[in-house]
Amino acid sequence: MNKIEREDKGKKGRFVIYENNEFAGEMTYTWESKSVFAIDHTEVEERFGGKGLGKKLVMEAIAHARKNNLKIKPLCSYVKKVFDNDDSLKDVRA
């Protein structure tokens, strides 16, 4: 079972994913303005690889952006790839 939490510490923050209450990975971001955050890194622990956890982190960030009328700048190569391959994400891309 997965659980995702968002931690925001002013200028920076992260989305953290847990599998069975064990840290499995994170996606970090930096606020560029009040309405734009740049995702700069996504990493899933090796032993949790291949389970789609990185994509779950991206989708959680997208859901958060849509709910709060925010935009995302995908600086992380993985997140950029997700955005580039899905035209339905244009509404949240900065």
Protein backbone atom coordinates (compact mmCIF):
# COMPACT_ATOMS: atom_id res chain seq x y z
CA MET A 1 0.00 0.00 0.00
CA ASN A 2 1.32 3.43 -0.98
CA LYS A 3 1.03 6.70 0.88
CA ILE A 4 2.20 10.08 -0.42
CA GLU A 5 2.83 13.10 1.79
CA ARG A 6 3.72 16.64 0.79
CA GLU A 7 6.18 18.62 2.88
CA ASP A 8 6.53 22.34 2.23
CA LYS A 9 9.28 24.30 3.94
CA GLY A 10 8.89 27.78 2.53
CA LYS A 11 10.99 28.04 -0.63
CA LYS A 12 11.47 24.29 -1.05
CA GLY A 13 9.42 21.18 -0.56
CA ARG A 14 8.97 17.57 -1.55
CA PHE A 15 6.47 14.82 -2.15
CA VAL A 16 7.43 11.63 -0.32
CA ILE A 17 6.10 8.18 -1.15
CA TYR A 18 5.96 5.29 1.29
CA GLU A 19 5.25 1.66 0.57
CA ASN A 20 3.93 -0.26 3.56
CA ASN A 21 5.05 2.67 5.77
CA GLU A 22 8.64 2.44 4.48
CA PHE A 23 10.30 5.37 2.67
CA ALA A 24 10.33 4.47 -1.03
CA GLY A 25 11.20 7.74 -2.78
CA GLU A 26 10.78 11.48 -3.15
CA MET A 27 10.30 14.27 -5.62
CA THR A 28 11.71 17.67 -4.67
CA TYR A 29 10.63 21.10 -5.80
CA THR A 30 11.40 24.80 -5.41
CA TRP A 31 8.86 27.61 -5.47
CA GLU A 32 9.58 30.05 -8.30
CA SER A 33 6.61 32.28 -7.47
CA LYS A 34 3.34 32.04 -5.54
CA SER A 35 1.80 30.06 -8.38
CA VAL A 36 4.71 28.14 -9.95
CA PHE A 37 6.86 25.37 -8.52
CA ALA A 38 9.76 23.72 -10.32
CA ILE A 39 10.24 19.99 -9.83
CA ASP A 40 13.99 19.47 -9.83
CA HIS A 41 14.53 15.86 -8.76
CA THR A 42 12.70 12.55 -8.57
CA GLU A 43 14.22 9.46 -7.02
CA VAL A 44 12.83 6.07 -6.03
CA GLU A 45 14.84 3.71 -3.85
CA GLU A 46 16.33 0.90 -5.97
CA ARG A 47 14.48 -1.90 -4.17
CA PHE A 48 11.16 -0.20 -5.04
CA GLY A 49 12.03 0.30 -8.70
CA GLY A 50 9.74 -0.87 -11.47
CA LYS A 51 6.53 -0.32 -9.48
CA GLY A 52 5.54 3.01 -11.03
CA LEU A 53 6.19 4.97 -7.83
CA GLY A 54 7.94 7.81 -9.67
CA LYS A 55 4.86 8.26 -11.87
CA LYS A 56 2.64 8.25 -8.77
CA LEU A 57 4.72 11.09 -7.33
CA VAL A 58 4.34 13.09 -10.56
CA MET A 59 0.59 12.49 -10.67
CA GLU A 60 0.26 13.61 -7.03
CA ALA A 61 2.10 16.86 -7.86
CA ILE A 62 -0.20 17.39 -10.85
CA ALA A 63 -3.30 16.78 -8.73
CA HIS A 64 -1.99 19.26 -6.14
CA ALA A 65 -1.31 21.85 -8.86
CA ARG A 66 -4.76 21.49 -10.38
CA LYS A 67 -6.52 21.64 -7.02
CA ASN A 68 -4.65 24.82 -6.07
CA ASN A 69 -4.51 26.54 -9.49
CA LEU A 70 -0.72 26.21 -9.70
CA LYS A 71 1.72 25.59 -12.54
CA ILE A 72 4.64 23.17 -12.65
CA LYS A 73 8.00 23.74 -14.31
CA PRO A 74 9.42 20.25 -15.03
CA LEU A 75 13.19 20.59 -14.62
CA CYS A 76 13.77 16.96 -13.60
CA SER A 77 14.42 14.82 -16.70
CA TYR A 78 11.92 12.16 -15.58
CA VAL A 79 9.13 14.68 -14.93
CA LYS A 80 9.91 16.48 -18.20
CA LYS A 81 9.53 13.16 -20.04
CA VAL A 82 6.14 12.53 -18.40
CA PHE A 83 4.95 16.02 -19.39
CA ASP A 84 6.33 15.74 -22.94
CA ASN A 85 4.51 12.45 -23.50
CA ASP A 86 1.08 13.54 -22.23
CA ASP A 87 -0.77 16.42 -23.91
CA SER A 88 -3.40 16.43 -21.16
CA LEU A 89 -0.85 18.01 -18.80
CA LYS A 90 -0.55 21.28 -20.72
CA ASP A 91 -2.90 22.99 -18.27
CA VAL A 92 -0.41 22.67 -15.40
CA ARG A 93 2.86 23.18 -17.27
CA ALA A 94 4.59 26.52 -16.67
